[in-house]
Amino acid sequence: MATYKEIQAFVREKYGFTVKTCWIADMKKICGLSDRVAPNRISLTEKTNPCPHEKREAILDAFSFFKMIK
């Protein structure tokens, strides 16, 4: 599984913007890749910074590139 830094570097190089780690975590949760909650998360029920819809495709492309999803 790719690290957050590797995913950020891939998206920055291919799409020209930097993704936040909370966006990656949100997309991992949506794709079923993460089953734990970050220890520094403020609320277990609310997302303060969910991934914007226009950035999701780039993150999914990175997941595919690193073979995290099919």
PDB file of N, CA and C in Angstrom:
ATOM      1  N   MET A   1       0.851  -1.175   0.000  1.00  0.00           N
ATOM      2  CA  MET A   1       0.000   0.000   0.000  1.00  0.00           C
ATOM      3  C   MET A   1       0.896   1.238   0.000  1.00  0.00           C
ATOM      4  N   ALA A   2       0.519   2.203  -0.794  1.00  0.00           N
ATOM      5  CA  ALA A   2       1.299   3.432  -0.929  1.00  0.00           C
ATOM      6  C   ALA A   2       1.143   4.320   0.300  1.00  0.00           C
ATOM      7  N   THR A   3       2.165   5.106   0.566  1.00  0.00           N
ATOM      8  CA  THR A   3       2.092   6.052   1.677  1.00  0.00           C
ATOM      9  C   THR A   3       1.354   7.314   1.224  1.00  0.00           C
ATOM     10  N   TYR A   4       0.953   8.099   2.190  1.00  0.00           N
ATOM     11  CA  TYR A   4       0.277   9.355   1.876  1.00  0.00           C
ATOM     12  C   TYR A   4       1.192  10.264   1.068  1.00  0.00           C
ATOM     13  N   LYS A   5       2.472  10.285   1.404  1.00  0.00           N
ATOM     14  CA  LYS A   5       3.441  11.122   0.673  1.00  0.00           C
ATOM     15  C   LYS A   5       3.543  10.685  -0.787  1.00  0.00           C
ATOM     16  N   GLU A   6       3.533   9.388  -1.035  1.00  0.00           N
ATOM     17  CA  GLU A   6       3.606   8.886  -2.413  1.00  0.00           C
ATOM     18  C   GLU A   6       2.359   9.271  -3.200  1.00  0.00           C
ATOM     19  N   ILE A   7       1.211   9.168  -2.558  1.00  0.00           N
ATOM     20  CA  ILE A   7      -0.047   9.558  -3.214  1.00  0.00           C
ATOM     21  C   ILE A   7      -0.047  11.046  -3.513  1.00  0.00           C
ATOM     22  N   GLN A   8       0.388  11.860  -2.547  1.00  0.00           N
ATOM     23  CA  GLN A   8       0.452  13.308  -2.762  1.00  0.00           C
ATOM     24  C   GLN A   8       1.403  13.650  -3.901  1.00  0.00           C
ATOM     25  N   ALA A   9       2.550  13.001  -3.950  1.00  0.00           N
ATOM     26  CA  ALA A   9       3.531  13.271  -5.012  1.00  0.00           C
ATOM     27  C   ALA A   9       2.973  12.891  -6.374  1.00  0.00           C
ATOM     28  N   PHE A  10       2.294  11.747  -6.467  1.00  0.00           N
ATOM     29  CA  PHE A  10       1.696  11.302  -7.726  1.00  0.00           C
ATOM     30  C   PHE A  10       0.677  12.316  -8.228  1.00  0.00           C
ATOM     31  N   VAL A  11      -0.229  12.739  -7.344  1.00  0.00           N
ATOM     32  CA  VAL A  11      -1.275  13.689  -7.748  1.00  0.00           C
ATOM     33  C   VAL A  11      -0.665  15.038  -8.113  1.00  0.00           C
ATOM     34  N   ARG A  12       0.329  15.495  -7.357  1.00  0.00           N
ATOM     35  CA  ARG A  12       0.971  16.780  -7.635  1.00  0.00           C
ATOM     36  C   ARG A  12       1.631  16.758  -9.011  1.00  0.00           C
ATOM     37  N   GLU A  13       2.313  15.651  -9.320  1.00  0.00           N
ATOM     38  CA  GLU A  13       3.019  15.549 -10.596  1.00  0.00           C
ATOM     39  C   GLU A  13       2.056  15.420 -11.775  1.00  0.00           C
ATOM     40  N   LYS A  14       1.011  14.602 -11.621  1.00  0.00           N
ATOM     41  CA  LYS A  14       0.117  14.340 -12.735  1.00  0.00           C
ATOM     42  C   LYS A  14      -0.978  15.396 -12.900  1.00  0.00           C
ATOM     43  N   TYR A  15      -1.505  15.916 -11.780  1.00  0.00           N
ATOM     44  CA  TYR A  15      -2.656  16.820 -11.844  1.00  0.00           C
ATOM     45  C   TYR A  15      -2.334  18.265 -11.467  1.00  0.00           C
ATOM     46  N   GLY A  16      -1.178  18.507 -10.879  1.00  0.00           N
ATOM     47  CA  GLY A  16      -0.755  19.869 -10.599  1.00  0.00           C
ATOM     48  C   GLY A  16      -1.329  20.509  -9.347  1.00  0.00           C
ATOM     49  N   PHE A  17      -1.852  19.719  -8.429  1.00  0.00           N
ATOM     50  CA  PHE A  17      -2.299  20.277  -7.152  1.00  0.00           C
ATOM     51  C   PHE A  17      -1.941  19.301  -6.044  1.00  0.00           C
ATOM     52  N   THR A  18      -1.900  19.813  -4.823  1.00  0.00           N
ATOM     53  CA  THR A  18      -1.548  18.997  -3.671  1.00  0.00           C
ATOM     54  C   THR A  18      -2.812  18.610  -2.918  1.00  0.00           C
ATOM     55  N   VAL A  19      -2.935  17.322  -2.616  1.00  0.00           N
ATOM     56  CA  VAL A  19      -4.095  16.858  -1.865  1.00  0.00           C
ATOM     57  C   VAL A  19      -3.766  16.845  -0.380  1.00  0.00           C
ATOM     58  N   LYS A  20      -4.767  17.115   0.423  1.00  0.00           N
ATOM     59  CA  LYS A  20      -4.605  17.073   1.873  1.00  0.00           C
ATOM     60  C   LYS A  20      -4.681  15.626   2.336  1.00  0.00           C
ATOM     61  N   THR A  21      -3.979  15.339   3.415  1.00  0.00           N
ATOM     62  CA  THR A  21      -3.997  13.977   3.938  1.00  0.00           C
ATOM     63  C   THR A  21      -5.400  13.573   4.392  1.00  0.00           C
ATOM     64  N   CYS A  22      -6.189  14.527   4.865  1.00  0.00           N
ATOM     65  CA  CYS A  22      -7.552  14.199   5.287  1.00  0.00           C
ATOM     66  C   CYS A  22      -8.413  13.807   4.088  1.00  0.00           C
ATOM     67  N   TRP A  23      -8.122  14.338   2.905  1.00  0.00           N
ATOM     68  CA  TRP A  23      -8.851  13.931   1.698  1.00  0.00           C
ATOM     69  C   TRP A  23      -8.503  12.487   1.349  1.00  0.00           C
ATOM     70  N   ILE A  24      -7.222  12.137   1.476  1.00  0.00           N
ATOM     71  CA  ILE A  24      -6.806  10.764   1.197  1.00  0.00           C
ATOM     72  C   ILE A  24      -7.470   9.815   2.181  1.00  0.00           C
ATOM     73  N   ALA A  25      -7.479  10.180   3.448  1.00  0.00           N
ATOM     74  CA  ALA A  25      -8.112   9.339   4.471  1.00  0.00           C
ATOM     75  C   ALA A  25      -9.604   9.178   4.188  1.00  0.00           C
ATOM     76  N   ASP A  26     -10.258  10.248   3.766  1.00  0.00           N
ATOM     77  CA  ASP A  26     -11.687  10.186   3.444  1.00  0.00           C
ATOM     78  C   ASP A  26     -11.927   9.245   2.277  1.00  0.00           C
ATOM     79  N   MET A  27     -11.103   9.324   1.250  1.00  0.00           N
ATOM     80  CA  MET A  27     -11.265   8.456   0.086  1.00  0.00           C
ATOM     81  C   MET A  27     -10.938   6.999   0.424  1.00  0.00           C
ATOM     82  N   LYS A  28      -9.966   6.774   1.314  1.00  0.00           N
ATOM     83  CA  LYS A  28      -9.671   5.416   1.745  1.00  0.00           C
ATOM     84  C   LYS A  28     -10.869   4.828   2.484  1.00  0.00           C
ATOM     85  N   LYS A  29     -11.521   5.636   3.281  1.00  0.00           N
ATOM     86  CA  LYS A  29     -12.713   5.189   4.006  1.00  0.00           C
ATOM     87  C   LYS A  29     -13.838   4.864   3.025  1.00  0.00           C
ATOM     88  N   ILE A  30     -14.045   5.717   2.035  1.00  0.00           N
ATOM     89  CA  ILE A  30     -15.089   5.498   1.026  1.00  0.00           C
ATOM     90  C   ILE A  30     -14.826   4.211   0.250  1.00  0.00           C
ATOM     91  N   CYS A  31     -13.552   3.945  -0.068  1.00  0.00           N
ATOM     92  CA  CYS A  31     -13.187   2.751  -0.843  1.00  0.00           C
ATOM     93  C   CYS A  31     -13.059   1.499   0.020  1.00  0.00           C
ATOM     94  N   GLY A  32     -13.208   1.642   1.320  1.00  0.00           N
ATOM     95  CA  GLY A  32     -13.106   0.492   2.209  1.00  0.00           C
ATOM     96  C   GLY A  32     -11.682   0.054   2.487  1.00  0.00           C
ATOM     97  N   LEU A  33     -10.729   0.948   2.323  1.00  0.00           N
ATOM     98  CA  LEU A  33      -9.323   0.609   2.530  1.00  0.00           C
ATOM     99  C   LEU A  33      -8.851   0.864   3.954  1.00  0.00           C
ATOM    100  N   SER A  34      -9.631   1.582   4.737  1.00  0.00           N
ATOM    101  CA  SER A  34      -9.221   1.923   6.089  1.00  0.00           C
ATOM    102  C   SER A  34     -10.311   1.501   7.061  1.00  0.00           C
ATOM    103  N   ASP A  35      -9.906   0.793   8.110  1.00  0.00           N
ATOM    104  CA  ASP A  35     -10.885   0.376   9.095  1.00  0.00           C
ATOM    105  C   ASP A  35     -10.598   0.938  10.481  1.00  0.00           C
ATOM    106  N   ARG A  36      -9.677   1.886  10.546  1.00  0.00           N
ATOM    107  CA  ARG A  36      -9.367   2.484  11.844  1.00  0.00           C
ATOM    108  C   ARG A  36      -9.631   3.985  11.804  1.00  0.00           C
ATOM    109  N   VAL A  37      -9.753   4.560  12.979  1.00  0.00           N
ATOM    110  CA  VAL A  37      -9.975   5.998  13.113  1.00  0.00           C
ATOM    111  C   VAL A  37      -8.678   6.620  13.602  1.00  0.00           C
ATOM    112  N   ALA A  38      -8.291   7.721  13.000  1.00  0.00           N
ATOM    113  CA  ALA A  38      -7.057   8.401  13.394  1.00  0.00           C
ATOM    114  C   ALA A  38      -7.136   8.813  14.865  1.00  0.00           C
ATOM    115  N   PRO A  39      -6.051   8.660  15.602  1.00  0.00           N
ATOM    116  CA  PRO A  39      -6.081   8.987  17.031  1.00  0.00           C
ATOM    117  C   PRO A  39      -6.276  10.478  17.316  1.00  0.00           C
ATOM    118  N   ASN A  40      -5.980  11.329  16.347  1.00  0.00           N
ATOM    119  CA  ASN A  40      -6.125  12.768  16.565  1.00  0.00           C
ATOM    120  C   ASN A  40      -7.438  13.320  16.005  1.00  0.00           C
ATOM    121  N   ARG A  41      -8.347  12.440  15.617  1.00  0.00           N
ATOM    122  CA  ARG A  41      -9.621  12.883  15.054  1.00  0.00           C
ATOM    123  C   ARG A  41     -10.471  13.518  16.141  1.00  0.00           C
ATOM    124  N   ILE A  42     -11.031  14.672  15.850  1.00  0.00           N
ATOM    125  CA  ILE A  42     -11.778  15.440  16.836  1.00  0.00           C
ATOM    126  C   ILE A  42     -13.134  14.802  17.120  1.00  0.00           C
ATOM    127  N   SER A  43     -13.855  14.448  16.083  1.00  0.00           N
ATOM    128  CA  SER A  43     -15.180  13.866  16.250  1.00  0.00           C
ATOM    129  C   SER A  43     -15.274  12.563  15.469  1.00  0.00           C
ATOM    130  N   LEU A  44     -15.875  11.560  16.073  1.00  0.00           N
ATOM    131  CA  LEU A  44     -16.007  10.273  15.404  1.00  0.00           C
ATOM    132  C   LEU A  44     -17.137  10.266  14.388  1.00  0.00           C
ATOM    133  N   THR A  45     -18.066  11.203  14.505  1.00  0.00           N
ATOM    134  CA  THR A  45     -19.229  11.209  13.620  1.00  0.00           C
ATOM    135  C   THR A  45     -19.161  12.255  12.519  1.00  0.00           C
ATOM    136  N   GLU A  46     -18.432  13.328  12.721  1.00  0.00           N
ATOM    137  CA  GLU A  46     -18.378  14.413  11.742  1.00  0.00           C
ATOM    138  C   GLU A  46     -17.034  14.434  11.019  1.00  0.00           C
ATOM    139  N   LYS A  47     -17.085  14.817   9.760  1.00  0.00           N
ATOM    140  CA  LYS A  47     -15.873  15.036   8.975  1.00  0.00           C
ATOM    141  C   LYS A  47     -15.708  16.540   8.816  1.00  0.00           C
ATOM    142  N   THR A  48     -14.587  17.063   9.268  1.00  0.00           N
ATOM    143  CA  THR A  48     -14.380  18.501   9.152  1.00  0.00           C
ATOM    144  C   THR A  48     -13.872  18.896   7.777  1.00  0.00           C
ATOM    145  N   ASN A  49     -13.123  18.008   7.119  1.00  0.00           N
ATOM    146  CA  ASN A  49     -12.583  18.297   5.791  1.00  0.00           C
ATOM    147  C   ASN A  49     -12.767  17.101   4.863  1.00  0.00           C
ATOM    148  N   PRO A  50     -14.005  16.810   4.444  1.00  0.00           N
ATOM    149  CA  PRO A  50     -14.181  15.705   3.502  1.00  0.00           C
ATOM    150  C   PRO A  50     -13.571  16.060   2.146  1.00  0.00           C
ATOM    151  N   CYS A  51     -13.264  15.043   1.372  1.00  0.00           N
ATOM    152  CA  CYS A  51     -12.659  15.258   0.063  1.00  0.00           C
ATOM    153  C   CYS A  51     -13.655  15.921  -0.876  1.00  0.00           C
ATOM    154  N   PRO A  52     -13.271  17.042  -1.515  1.00  0.00           N
ATOM    155  CA  PRO A  52     -14.165  17.690  -2.481  1.00  0.00           C
ATOM    156  C   PRO A  52     -14.416  16.776  -3.682  1.00  0.00           C
ATOM    157  N   HIS A  53     -15.606  16.845  -4.223  1.00  0.00           N
ATOM    158  CA  HIS A  53     -15.981  15.974  -5.340  1.00  0.00           C
ATOM    159  C   HIS A  53     -15.059  16.141  -6.546  1.00  0.00           C
ATOM    160  N   GLU A  54     -14.581  17.349  -6.801  1.00  0.00           N
ATOM    161  CA  GLU A  54     -13.747  17.579  -7.974  1.00  0.00           C
ATOM    162  C   GLU A  54     -12.325  17.025  -7.805  1.00  0.00           C
ATOM    163  N   LYS A  55     -11.923  16.652  -6.599  1.00  0.00           N
ATOM    164  CA  LYS A  55     -10.583  16.102  -6.345  1.00  0.00           C
ATOM    165  C   LYS A  55     -10.596  14.579  -6.239  1.00  0.00           C
ATOM    166  N   ARG A  56     -11.762  13.973  -6.136  1.00  0.00           N
ATOM    167  CA  ARG A  56     -11.868  12.538  -5.900  1.00  0.00           C
ATOM    168  C   ARG A  56     -11.275  11.704  -7.034  1.00  0.00           C
ATOM    169  N   GLU A  57     -11.509  12.101  -8.265  1.00  0.00           N
ATOM    170  CA  GLU A  57     -11.032  11.314  -9.406  1.00  0.00           C
ATOM    171  C   GLU A  57      -9.507  11.214  -9.408  1.00  0.00           C
ATOM    172  N   ALA A  58      -8.815  12.289  -9.044  1.00  0.00           N
ATOM    173  CA  ALA A  58      -7.352  12.275  -9.017  1.00  0.00           C
ATOM    174  C   ALA A  58      -6.842  11.316  -7.944  1.00  0.00           C
ATOM    175  N   ILE A  59      -7.479  11.299  -6.801  1.00  0.00           N
ATOM    176  CA  ILE A  59      -7.067  10.404  -5.720  1.00  0.00           C
ATOM    177  C   ILE A  59      -7.367   8.953  -6.094  1.00  0.00           C
ATOM    178  N   LEU A  60      -8.517   8.717  -6.702  1.00  0.00           N
ATOM    179  CA  LEU A  60      -8.837   7.367  -7.157  1.00  0.00           C
ATOM    180  C   LEU A  60      -7.847   6.893  -8.216  1.00  0.00           C
ATOM    181  N   ASP A  61      -7.399   7.799  -9.075  1.00  0.00           N
ATOM    182  CA  ASP A  61      -6.389   7.458 -10.073  1.00  0.00           C
ATOM    183  C   ASP A  61      -5.089   7.042  -9.383  1.00  0.00           C
ATOM    184  N   ALA A  62      -4.712   7.759  -8.330  1.00  0.00           N
ATOM    185  CA  ALA A  62      -3.509   7.403  -7.576  1.00  0.00           C
ATOM    186  C   ALA A  62      -3.678   6.036  -6.914  1.00  0.00           C
ATOM    187  N   PHE A  63      -4.852   5.765  -6.358  1.00  0.00           N
ATOM    188  CA  PHE A  63      -5.107   4.456  -5.753  1.00  0.00           C
ATOM    189  C   PHE A  63      -4.956   3.352  -6.796  1.00  0.00           C
ATOM    190  N   SER A  64      -5.474   3.592  -7.985  1.00  0.00           N
ATOM    191  CA  SER A  64      -5.360   2.607  -9.065  1.00  0.00           C
ATOM    192  C   SER A  64      -3.906   2.422  -9.487  1.00  0.00           C
ATOM    193  N   PHE A  65      -3.184   3.520  -9.602  1.00  0.00           N
ATOM    194  CA  PHE A  65      -1.780   3.460 -10.017  1.00  0.00           C
ATOM    195  C   PHE A  65      -0.954   2.623  -9.030  1.00  0.00           C
ATOM    196  N   PHE A  66      -1.213   2.794  -7.737  1.00  0.00           N
ATOM    197  CA  PHE A  66      -0.482   2.054  -6.716  1.00  0.00           C
ATOM    198  C   PHE A  66      -1.125   0.699  -6.398  1.00  0.00           C
ATOM    199  N   LYS A  67      -2.108   0.302  -7.224  1.00  0.00           N
ATOM    200  CA  LYS A  67      -2.780  -0.996  -7.099  1.00  0.00           C
ATOM    201  C   LYS A  67      -3.432  -1.199  -5.729  1.00  0.00           C
ATOM    202  N   MET A  68      -3.983  -0.111  -5.199  1.00  0.00           N
ATOM    203  CA  MET A  68      -4.714  -0.192  -3.945  1.00  0.00           C
ATOM    204  C   MET A  68      -6.168  -0.574  -4.213  1.00  0.00           C
ATOM    205  N   ILE A  69      -6.655  -0.234  -5.435  1.00  0.00           N
ATOM    206  CA  ILE A  69      -7.985  -0.621  -5.890  1.00  0.00           C
ATOM    207  C   ILE A  69      -7.857  -1.116  -7.322  1.00  0.00           C
ATOM    208  N   LYS A  70      -8.897  -1.774  -7.804  1.00  0.00           N
ATOM    209  CA  LYS A  70      -8.869  -2.275  -9.175  1.00  0.00           C
ATOM    210  C   LYS A  70      -9.475  -1.284 -10.126  1.00  0.00           C
TER     211      LYS A  70
END
